Each structure stands twice: as C-alpha cells, then as structure tokens.
Amino acid sequence: MGIDINLFNINHNLTNVEKGKCLISEPFSPDSYFGRSVVLITEHNEKEGTLGYILNKPVEVHINDIMADFPSFDAKCFVGGPVNPDTLHYLHNRFDLFPKSTHIKGDIYWGGDFELLKEHIIEKKITPKEIRFYLGYSGWAPEQLQSEIKEKFWIVSDIKPKTIMTANKNTWKEILNKLGDSYSLWANAPANPSMN
C-alpha cells in the first residue's frame, strides 16, 4: 500500500520563489533527476522562468574527463539538471577572482570566464573547496515551477551559503530534518512508498 502524500501536513511554500532560495523535492518522485533533490535557484523571473542547479547529486567523474584541455583539478562535479547535460557550469565563493560572475547569496557566485578559471587553477589561486561544477542545469518556463509547487512536488526554502558549497547526497534529508517534525516524516520516508 502506498503513502498518501497529503497525510503529511506540509507547507509547500515556506518562502517565495527567488534567487538564492532552494527547492526541495517531495520524497516519492520517480524522476531520475529531481527525485530527492535540492535545487539552488540562481535565476528567477516571472516573464522568463526559473533556472537552477541540483546540489546533492554528485557524479563519479573527474573534471578533466569532461574537459580534456582543463588543468588538473580535483573539484566536485554534480548533475546540475536535465537541460543541456553536455554543458558545464560552476558556483564559487571567489568573486575577487571572477568579477564578472553573478551574485546568488552571501559569498556564493555563479559563473565567470572559463579561460580565467583555467589560469587561476594553474596559478593555484583557487582551491577545489571554493568551486563546484555542474553538468547541465534545471530550468522552468514561466509559471511552470509555480504549477509544480501547487501540485506539491516542491518545498521552497532558505538555504545557507555554507550548505551550498558542502552539499552531498545526504543534504536532502538533512535539510528536511532541520525544518521540523512534519518534514522529518518526509526525510525518513522510504524512496519507494510501497515498501512501507
């Protein structure tokens, strides 16, 4: 017997959708990309839609396997989302090195010049702990995300800058547990509701 998701007394819109917030997926989604995911919103515009990166789905691939001409660098790489999965993006906390990057929140910035990034790596000006790479990205057309929130697919929540740069496969559960008892039920629910 499956679990009725409506039995969980969950507020799906804890906060407004905006840049720097995160989306936390409901526990029973079979979606291979978004199931049990935490997505950082890096751009939100009611006319153009929403863009973000999945933070908690690391891939066992080295950055040099993706970009052959990239200097040797042992940084974390994650699935960013289903859109253009053959593209590489990054978040970092070194605005001093990438003045043309986009501010997200706190000391977190998005993007910058790839050639400049290579130079900084060669010169050892940036460390793997200060940057994270994402294959592809997550995108929603105008009103699409709001529709998914109404359908109870996502919780919108705050996220700390430190969590963004240290996210791992356990982050989905950890964030839900910090949101209170109702959310802990989600965090501890089996991935397959028929297993309950």
Protein backbone atom coordinates (compact mmCIF):
# COMPACT_ATOMS: atom_id res chain seq x y z
CA MET A 1 0.00 0.00 0.00
CA GLY A 2 1.35 3.44 -0.98
CA ILE A 3 1.65 6.51 1.23
CA ASP A 4 -0.83 9.35 0.72
CA ILE A 5 1.42 12.41 0.46
CA ASN A 6 -1.46 14.60 1.66
CA LEU A 7 -1.24 12.93 5.09
CA PHE A 8 1.96 14.86 5.67
CA ASN A 9 1.00 18.28 7.00
CA ILE A 10 3.49 20.09 4.77
CA ASN A 11 3.58 23.77 3.83
CA HIS A 12 4.91 23.61 0.26
CA ASN A 13 5.64 27.31 0.04
CA LEU A 14 7.63 28.16 3.17
CA THR A 15 9.02 31.17 1.34
CA ASN A 16 8.70 32.94 -2.00
CA VAL A 17 10.49 31.63 -5.07
CA GLU A 18 13.52 33.84 -5.68
CA LYS A 19 17.22 33.73 -6.47
CA GLY A 20 19.22 32.20 -3.62
CA LYS A 21 16.37 30.01 -2.30
CA CYS A 22 16.24 26.26 -2.78
CA LEU A 23 13.68 23.76 -3.96
CA ILE A 24 13.35 20.51 -2.03
CA SER A 25 11.56 17.71 -3.89
CA GLU A 26 8.86 15.55 -2.34
CA PRO A 27 10.09 12.09 -1.30
CA PHE A 28 8.21 9.83 -3.69
CA SER A 29 9.07 11.30 -7.08
CA PRO A 30 10.29 8.67 -9.56
CA ASP A 31 12.04 11.38 -11.60
CA SER A 32 15.67 10.33 -12.09
CA TYR A 33 16.90 13.92 -11.98
CA PHE A 34 14.67 15.53 -9.38
CA GLY A 35 13.81 12.63 -7.05
CA ARG A 36 15.03 13.60 -3.55
CA SER A 37 16.86 16.61 -4.90
CA VAL A 38 17.80 20.05 -3.57
CA VAL A 39 17.93 22.68 -6.31
CA LEU A 40 19.54 26.09 -5.82
CA ILE A 41 17.64 28.83 -7.67
CA THR A 42 20.18 31.00 -9.49
CA GLU A 43 17.74 33.00 -11.62
CA HIS A 44 14.02 33.68 -11.31
CA ASN A 45 11.93 35.95 -13.48
CA GLU A 46 8.17 35.73 -13.90
CA LYS A 47 8.46 36.58 -17.61
CA GLU A 48 11.44 34.33 -18.47
CA GLY A 49 11.16 31.50 -15.94
CA THR A 50 13.50 29.91 -13.43
CA LEU A 51 16.98 28.42 -13.60
CA GLY A 52 18.95 26.46 -11.01
CA TYR A 53 21.32 23.61 -10.21
CA ILE A 54 20.80 20.34 -8.36
CA LEU A 55 23.20 20.49 -5.41
CA ASN A 56 23.10 16.98 -3.99
CA LYS A 57 23.73 14.57 -6.87
CA PRO A 58 27.48 14.07 -7.21
CA VAL A 59 28.86 12.24 -10.24
CA GLU A 60 31.86 9.94 -10.15
CA VAL A 61 33.65 11.74 -12.94
CA HIS A 62 36.73 13.92 -12.87
CA ILE A 63 36.54 17.41 -14.33
CA ASN A 64 39.42 16.51 -16.66
CA ASP A 65 37.35 13.66 -18.11
CA ILE A 66 34.73 16.21 -19.15
CA MET A 67 37.06 18.91 -20.47
CA ALA A 68 40.24 17.47 -21.98
CA ASP A 69 42.05 20.83 -22.15
CA PHE A 70 41.31 21.63 -18.49
CA PRO A 71 44.18 21.81 -15.98
CA SER A 72 44.36 19.01 -13.40
CA PHE A 73 41.93 19.95 -10.64
CA ASP A 74 40.19 17.76 -8.05
CA ALA A 75 36.91 19.69 -7.64
CA LYS A 76 33.48 18.16 -7.02
CA CYS A 77 31.19 17.67 -10.01
CA PHE A 78 27.41 17.24 -9.81
CA VAL A 79 24.42 16.64 -12.04
CA GLY A 80 23.04 20.16 -12.48
CA GLY A 81 19.82 19.16 -14.18
CA PRO A 82 18.26 17.71 -17.32
CA VAL A 83 18.72 20.76 -19.56
CA ASN A 84 21.83 20.68 -21.81
CA PRO A 85 23.60 17.96 -19.75
CA ASP A 86 26.66 18.27 -22.00
CA THR A 87 27.38 21.80 -20.74
CA LEU A 88 29.49 22.66 -17.70
CA HIS A 89 28.61 25.36 -15.16
CA TYR A 90 30.03 26.39 -11.81
CA LEU A 91 29.33 28.04 -8.48
CA HIS A 92 32.12 29.53 -6.38
CA ASN A 93 32.89 31.86 -3.49
CA ARG A 94 35.76 33.78 -5.09
CA PHE A 95 34.23 36.92 -6.56
CA ASP A 96 37.67 38.55 -6.18
CA LEU A 97 38.90 36.21 -8.93
CA PHE A 98 35.77 36.39 -11.13
CA PRO A 99 34.45 39.98 -11.07
CA LYS A 100 32.01 39.25 -13.93
CA SER A 101 30.25 36.42 -12.08
CA THR A 102 26.65 36.70 -10.85
CA HIS A 103 25.93 37.09 -7.14
CA ILE A 104 23.49 34.48 -5.77
CA LYS A 105 23.55 34.97 -1.98
CA GLY A 106 26.10 35.52 0.78
CA ASP A 107 29.52 34.71 -0.68
CA ILE A 108 28.11 32.45 -3.43
CA TYR A 109 28.56 33.44 -7.09
CA TRP A 110 27.63 31.81 -10.37
CA GLY A 111 29.82 31.52 -13.45
CA GLY A 112 32.66 33.54 -14.81
CA ASP A 113 35.25 33.36 -17.58
CA PHE A 114 36.39 29.74 -18.20
CA GLU A 115 39.76 30.81 -19.58
CA LEU A 116 40.32 32.92 -16.49
CA LEU A 117 39.31 29.95 -14.34
CA LYS A 118 41.96 27.79 -16.03
CA GLU A 119 44.60 30.45 -15.34
CA HIS A 120 43.60 30.66 -11.67
CA ILE A 121 43.83 26.88 -11.33
CA ILE A 122 47.27 26.74 -12.96
CA GLU A 123 48.45 29.56 -10.70
CA LYS A 124 46.86 27.81 -7.67
CA LYS A 125 44.77 30.88 -6.81
CA ILE A 126 41.61 28.81 -6.29
CA THR A 127 41.15 25.53 -4.42
CA PRO A 128 38.67 22.70 -5.08
CA LYS A 129 36.74 23.64 -1.89
CA GLU A 130 35.98 27.09 -3.34
CA ILE A 131 34.24 25.90 -6.52
CA ARG A 132 31.71 23.29 -7.62
CA PHE A 133 30.92 22.13 -11.15
CA TYR A 134 27.54 21.10 -12.59
CA LEU A 135 26.70 19.14 -15.72
CA GLY A 136 23.63 20.72 -17.26
CA TYR A 137 21.09 22.81 -15.40
CA SER A 138 17.47 22.82 -14.27
CA GLY A 139 15.03 25.14 -15.98
CA TRP A 140 11.34 26.00 -15.82
CA ALA A 141 9.25 28.06 -18.21
CA PRO A 142 7.22 30.98 -16.77
CA GLU A 143 4.58 29.67 -14.29
CA GLN A 144 5.79 26.06 -14.70
CA LEU A 145 7.55 25.98 -11.34
CA GLN A 146 4.64 27.65 -9.54
CA SER A 147 2.39 24.94 -11.01
CA GLU A 148 4.70 22.19 -9.71
CA ILE A 149 4.71 23.80 -6.24
CA LYS A 150 0.88 23.86 -6.24
CA GLU A 151 0.96 20.17 -7.22
CA LYS A 152 3.11 19.58 -4.10
CA PHE A 153 6.22 18.48 -5.95
CA TRP A 154 8.48 21.09 -4.31
CA ILE A 155 9.01 22.84 -0.99
CA VAL A 156 10.59 26.30 -1.33
CA SER A 157 13.04 27.02 1.47
CA ASP A 158 16.03 29.08 2.53
CA ILE A 159 19.50 27.57 2.30
CA LYS A 160 22.75 28.66 3.92
CA PRO A 161 25.70 29.55 1.67
CA LYS A 162 27.84 27.01 3.52
CA THR A 163 25.33 24.26 2.69
CA ILE A 164 25.51 25.18 -1.00
CA MET A 165 29.26 24.60 -1.06
CA THR A 166 29.22 21.44 1.05
CA ALA A 167 26.07 19.73 -0.29
CA ASN A 168 26.27 15.98 -0.81
CA LYS A 169 23.92 13.02 -1.30
CA ASN A 170 22.66 13.38 2.32
CA THR A 171 21.73 17.08 2.03
CA TRP A 172 18.10 16.46 1.01
CA LYS A 173 17.43 14.51 4.21
CA GLU A 174 19.47 16.87 6.41
CA ILE A 175 17.58 19.99 5.26
CA LEU A 176 14.19 18.33 5.75
CA ASN A 177 15.12 17.21 9.27
CA LYS A 178 16.04 20.79 10.18
CA LEU A 179 12.63 22.08 9.01
CA GLY A 180 10.71 20.32 11.80
CA ASP A 181 8.75 17.19 12.66
CA SER A 182 6.40 17.16 9.66
CA TYR A 183 9.35 17.39 7.30
CA SER A 184 11.24 14.71 9.21
CA LEU A 185 8.45 12.32 8.17
CA TRP A 186 9.36 13.10 4.56
CA ALA A 187 13.06 12.75 5.26
CA ASN A 188 12.60 9.27 6.73
CA ALA A 189 10.01 8.01 4.26
CA PRO A 190 11.17 5.12 2.06
CA ALA A 191 12.12 6.05 -1.51
CA ASN A 192 9.55 3.52 -2.69
CA PRO A 193 6.26 4.14 -0.79
CA SER A 194 5.13 0.56 -1.48
CA MET A 195 7.97 -0.60 0.81
CA ASN A 196 6.28 0.95 3.86
